[in-house]
Amino acid sequence: MKISYELINIIMLLIPGFLSLKIYDLFRSVEVKDNIDRLIEGLIYNLAIYSFVEYVHGWAPAFKYQKIGNDFSYVMSADKLLISITIVSSIVLPLIWGAITHYDYHMLVLRKLRLTNKTSRQTVWDDVFTNEVRFLSLHLKDDRIIVGWPTYFSNDPDEGFIYLTQAAWVDDGEYVETNSHGILFHKADIEFIEFMKTEEEIDNEPKDSPETE
């Protein structure tokens, strides 16, 4: 297969966007398998990167394949600042956007404006485990109850694993330590999950006022 120099130029222009896309994948809890969607995301990153480079420095192709006389040669720009800004932008931009989407800041603004009630995450499971960082009480299908800290959990509810540390079984209202580092549970073994109140929440609960005669 013969590759034209125009195609090589296009490929080199797309590299910053695809680099950003791979970095953003580190934040993504669900893999995007549609190649068209990934191509569009890469093009959007390219637009953002090159717009920023144009604004702060002035854009020009950092790498290009060009014709010199009767020969074609691969040329790298001598503008080191241009190359540095492009590379840094390709790395920093997806890190910033990844943090925004992970903490749901952009959708929070839209919810405040009453434009939507959605979050950026794929499932309620992911929403709850991301936002409610606290001790859990797992009520198992065999009627046992165990309390612990969710050190690891699946982002995908179909996988449904929870790894509890500081785990203790509840037996007649008493906590029985497991003396293990942790226990891995699957959702198939769990009837339901309680998210425990923190000590601060318990302390701030309104106290029942004394009855007056």
Protein backbone atom coordinates (compact mmCIF):
# COMPACT_ATOMS: atom_id res chain seq x y z
CA MET A 1 0.00 0.00 0.00
CA LYS A 2 1.46 3.31 -1.10
CA ILE A 3 0.96 6.17 1.34
CA SER A 4 0.93 9.66 -0.13
CA TYR A 5 2.75 12.51 1.54
CA GLU A 6 -0.60 14.31 1.98
CA LEU A 7 -1.87 11.39 4.06
CA ILE A 8 1.31 11.41 6.17
CA ASN A 9 0.80 15.14 6.80
CA ILE A 10 -2.77 14.48 7.96
CA ILE A 11 -1.66 11.66 10.26
CA MET A 12 1.03 13.86 11.85
CA LEU A 13 -1.55 16.61 12.39
CA LEU A 14 -3.83 14.18 14.22
CA ILE A 15 -1.18 12.83 16.62
CA PRO A 16 -1.64 15.51 19.38
CA GLY A 17 -5.39 14.85 19.54
CA PHE A 18 -4.95 11.09 19.74
CA LEU A 19 -2.29 11.50 22.43
CA SER A 20 -4.81 13.54 24.43
CA LEU A 21 -7.44 10.88 23.84
CA LYS A 22 -5.21 8.13 25.25
CA ILE A 23 -4.48 10.23 28.35
CA TYR A 24 -8.19 10.95 28.86
CA ASP A 25 -8.86 7.20 28.67
CA LEU A 26 -7.12 6.95 32.07
CA PHE A 27 -10.14 8.75 33.56
CA ARG A 28 -12.79 6.91 31.60
CA SER A 29 -14.65 4.24 33.56
CA VAL A 30 -16.33 2.71 30.50
CA GLU A 31 -14.36 1.92 27.36
CA VAL A 32 -15.62 3.54 24.15
CA LYS A 33 -15.55 0.88 21.45
CA ASP A 34 -17.06 2.91 18.61
CA ASN A 35 -14.16 4.00 16.39
CA ILE A 36 -16.20 6.84 14.89
CA ASP A 37 -16.80 8.32 18.36
CA ARG A 38 -13.09 8.04 19.18
CA LEU A 39 -12.15 9.72 15.90
CA ILE A 40 -14.55 12.60 16.61
CA GLU A 41 -13.13 12.99 20.14
CA GLY A 42 -9.60 13.07 18.74
CA LEU A 43 -10.59 15.75 16.23
CA ILE A 44 -12.17 17.85 18.99
CA TYR A 45 -8.96 17.61 21.03
CA ASN A 46 -6.97 18.65 17.97
CA LEU A 47 -9.18 21.69 17.49
CA ALA A 48 -8.78 22.69 21.15
CA ILE A 49 -5.00 22.13 21.13
CA TYR A 50 -4.32 24.01 17.91
CA SER A 51 -6.64 26.86 18.93
CA PHE A 52 -4.71 27.24 22.18
CA VAL A 53 -1.35 27.10 20.37
CA GLU A 54 -2.55 29.72 17.88
CA TYR A 55 -3.69 31.98 20.72
CA VAL A 56 -0.50 31.83 22.80
CA HIS A 57 2.15 31.47 20.11
CA GLY A 58 0.91 31.14 16.57
CA TRP A 59 0.24 27.79 14.96
CA ALA A 60 2.20 26.03 12.25
CA PRO A 61 2.63 22.31 11.50
CA ALA A 62 5.24 20.94 13.90
CA PHE A 63 5.89 17.99 11.59
CA LYS A 64 5.35 17.81 7.88
CA TYR A 65 6.23 15.81 4.82
CA GLN A 66 7.15 18.13 1.99
CA LYS A 67 8.50 18.13 -1.54
CA ILE A 68 11.95 19.61 -2.16
CA GLY A 69 12.72 19.57 -5.84
CA ASN A 70 11.88 16.12 -7.12
CA ASP A 71 12.28 14.50 -3.73
CA PHE A 72 10.02 14.23 -0.71
CA SER A 73 11.43 14.62 2.77
CA TYR A 74 10.11 14.51 6.33
CA VAL A 75 10.75 17.84 8.08
CA MET A 76 10.41 18.75 11.74
CA SER A 77 9.83 22.37 12.69
CA ALA A 78 12.82 24.23 14.09
CA ASP A 79 10.49 26.18 16.40
CA LYS A 80 11.14 24.40 19.70
CA LEU A 81 8.68 26.60 21.58
CA LEU A 82 5.91 25.61 19.17
CA ILE A 83 6.67 21.92 19.65
CA SER A 84 6.88 22.30 23.44
CA ILE A 85 3.54 24.13 23.67
CA THR A 86 1.87 21.54 21.46
CA ILE A 87 3.15 18.60 23.52
CA VAL A 88 2.33 20.24 26.86
CA SER A 89 -1.16 21.16 25.63
CA SER A 90 -1.72 17.57 24.46
CA ILE A 91 -0.95 16.33 27.97
CA VAL A 92 -2.42 19.05 30.20
CA LEU A 93 -5.74 19.52 28.37
CA PRO A 94 -6.99 15.92 28.84
CA LEU A 95 -5.77 15.93 32.45
CA ILE A 96 -7.87 19.02 33.19
CA TRP A 97 -10.90 17.72 31.30
CA GLY A 98 -10.53 14.30 32.90
CA ALA A 99 -10.57 15.84 36.39
CA ILE A 100 -13.62 17.95 35.51
CA THR A 101 -15.58 14.95 34.23
CA HIS A 102 -14.44 12.68 37.08
CA TYR A 103 -15.68 15.12 39.72
CA ASP A 104 -18.76 15.99 37.62
CA TYR A 105 -18.10 19.76 37.77
CA HIS A 106 -19.48 20.56 34.31
CA MET A 107 -22.75 18.73 34.94
CA LEU A 108 -22.98 20.31 38.39
CA VAL A 109 -23.12 23.73 36.73
CA LEU A 110 -25.85 22.55 34.37
CA ARG A 111 -27.83 21.09 37.27
CA LYS A 112 -27.51 24.38 39.17
CA LEU A 113 -28.93 26.13 36.10
CA ARG A 114 -31.77 23.56 36.08
CA LEU A 115 -30.91 22.56 32.52
CA THR A 116 -30.61 18.87 33.39
CA ASN A 117 -30.67 16.45 36.32
CA LYS A 118 -28.07 14.09 34.83
CA THR A 119 -24.50 13.45 35.91
CA SER A 120 -21.52 12.71 33.68
CA ARG A 121 -21.17 9.15 34.94
CA GLN A 122 -22.63 6.11 33.25
CA THR A 123 -24.51 4.53 36.18
CA VAL A 124 -26.05 5.28 39.57
CA TRP A 125 -23.68 2.64 41.00
CA ASP A 126 -20.68 4.72 39.90
CA ASP A 127 -22.31 7.95 41.13
CA VAL A 128 -22.98 6.60 44.61
CA PHE A 129 -19.61 4.93 45.15
CA THR A 130 -17.75 8.01 43.86
CA ASN A 131 -19.68 10.61 45.87
CA GLU A 132 -20.42 8.70 49.08
CA VAL A 133 -16.97 7.84 50.44
CA ARG A 134 -17.86 6.22 53.75
CA PHE A 135 -18.08 2.91 55.63
CA LEU A 136 -20.47 0.34 54.20
CA SER A 137 -22.71 -2.27 55.78
CA LEU A 138 -23.23 -5.18 53.41
CA HIS A 139 -26.34 -7.25 54.05
CA LEU A 140 -25.63 -10.60 52.43
CA LYS A 141 -28.16 -12.99 50.96
CA ASP A 142 -27.34 -15.57 53.65
CA ASP A 143 -28.53 -13.04 56.29
CA ARG A 144 -25.03 -12.18 57.51
CA ILE A 145 -23.97 -8.53 57.88
CA ILE A 146 -20.44 -7.16 57.51
CA VAL A 147 -19.16 -3.61 57.95
CA GLY A 148 -16.03 -2.22 56.32
CA TRP A 149 -14.34 0.41 54.20
CA PRO A 150 -14.70 0.10 50.38
CA THR A 151 -11.04 0.36 49.41
CA TYR A 152 -11.76 -0.91 45.88
CA PHE A 153 -15.00 -1.17 43.95
CA SER A 154 -16.08 -1.81 40.37
CA ASN A 155 -17.04 1.21 38.28
CA ASP A 156 -19.16 -1.09 36.18
CA PRO A 157 -22.16 -2.51 38.12
CA ASP A 158 -22.22 -5.53 35.81
CA GLU A 159 -18.84 -6.50 37.29
CA GLY A 160 -20.06 -5.58 40.78
CA PHE A 161 -17.07 -6.28 43.02
CA ILE A 162 -16.46 -4.55 46.37
CA TYR A 163 -13.26 -5.03 48.38
CA LEU A 164 -13.77 -4.23 52.06
CA THR A 165 -10.92 -3.47 54.45
CA GLN A 166 -11.20 -2.88 58.23
CA ALA A 167 -13.96 -5.47 57.95
CA ALA A 168 -16.00 -6.76 60.89
CA TRP A 169 -18.94 -9.12 61.04
CA VAL A 170 -22.02 -7.98 62.95
CA ASP A 171 -23.18 -10.62 65.42
CA ASP A 172 -26.05 -9.77 67.79
CA GLY A 173 -25.14 -6.10 67.67
CA GLU A 174 -21.45 -6.78 68.37
CA TYR A 175 -18.59 -6.23 65.90
CA VAL A 176 -16.35 -9.25 65.34
CA GLU A 177 -13.07 -8.37 63.62
CA THR A 178 -12.07 -10.60 60.71
CA ASN A 179 -8.32 -10.13 61.38
CA SER A 180 -7.75 -10.06 57.61
CA HIS A 181 -6.50 -7.34 55.29
CA GLY A 182 -9.80 -7.33 53.43
CA ILE A 183 -12.59 -9.37 51.87
CA LEU A 184 -13.75 -9.31 48.24
CA PHE A 185 -17.52 -9.49 47.66
CA HIS A 186 -19.53 -9.78 44.48
CA LYS A 187 -22.94 -8.18 44.03
CA ALA A 188 -24.45 -11.64 43.53
CA ASP A 189 -23.82 -12.31 47.24
CA ILE A 190 -25.26 -8.98 48.44
CA GLU A 191 -28.93 -8.32 49.23
CA PHE A 192 -28.46 -4.58 49.76
CA ILE A 193 -25.84 -2.06 50.90
CA GLU A 194 -26.09 0.52 53.68
CA PHE A 195 -23.90 3.62 53.56
CA MET A 196 -23.05 4.45 57.16
CA LYS A 197 -23.21 7.92 58.67
CA THR A 198 -19.95 9.58 59.67
CA GLU A 199 -19.29 10.63 63.26
CA GLU A 200 -19.66 14.26 62.19
CA GLU A 201 -23.09 13.59 60.69
CA ILE A 202 -24.17 11.78 63.83
CA ASP A 203 -22.93 14.64 66.05
CA ASN A 204 -24.79 17.20 63.91
CA GLU A 205 -28.09 15.36 64.08
CA PRO A 206 -30.78 17.36 65.92
CA LYS A 207 -31.24 16.10 69.46
CA ASP A 208 -34.72 15.41 70.75
CA SER A 209 -35.77 18.37 72.89
CA PRO A 210 -36.80 17.47 76.45
CA GLU A 211 -40.52 17.32 76.99
CA THR A 212 -41.98 20.07 79.11
CA GLU A 213 -44.83 19.56 81.49
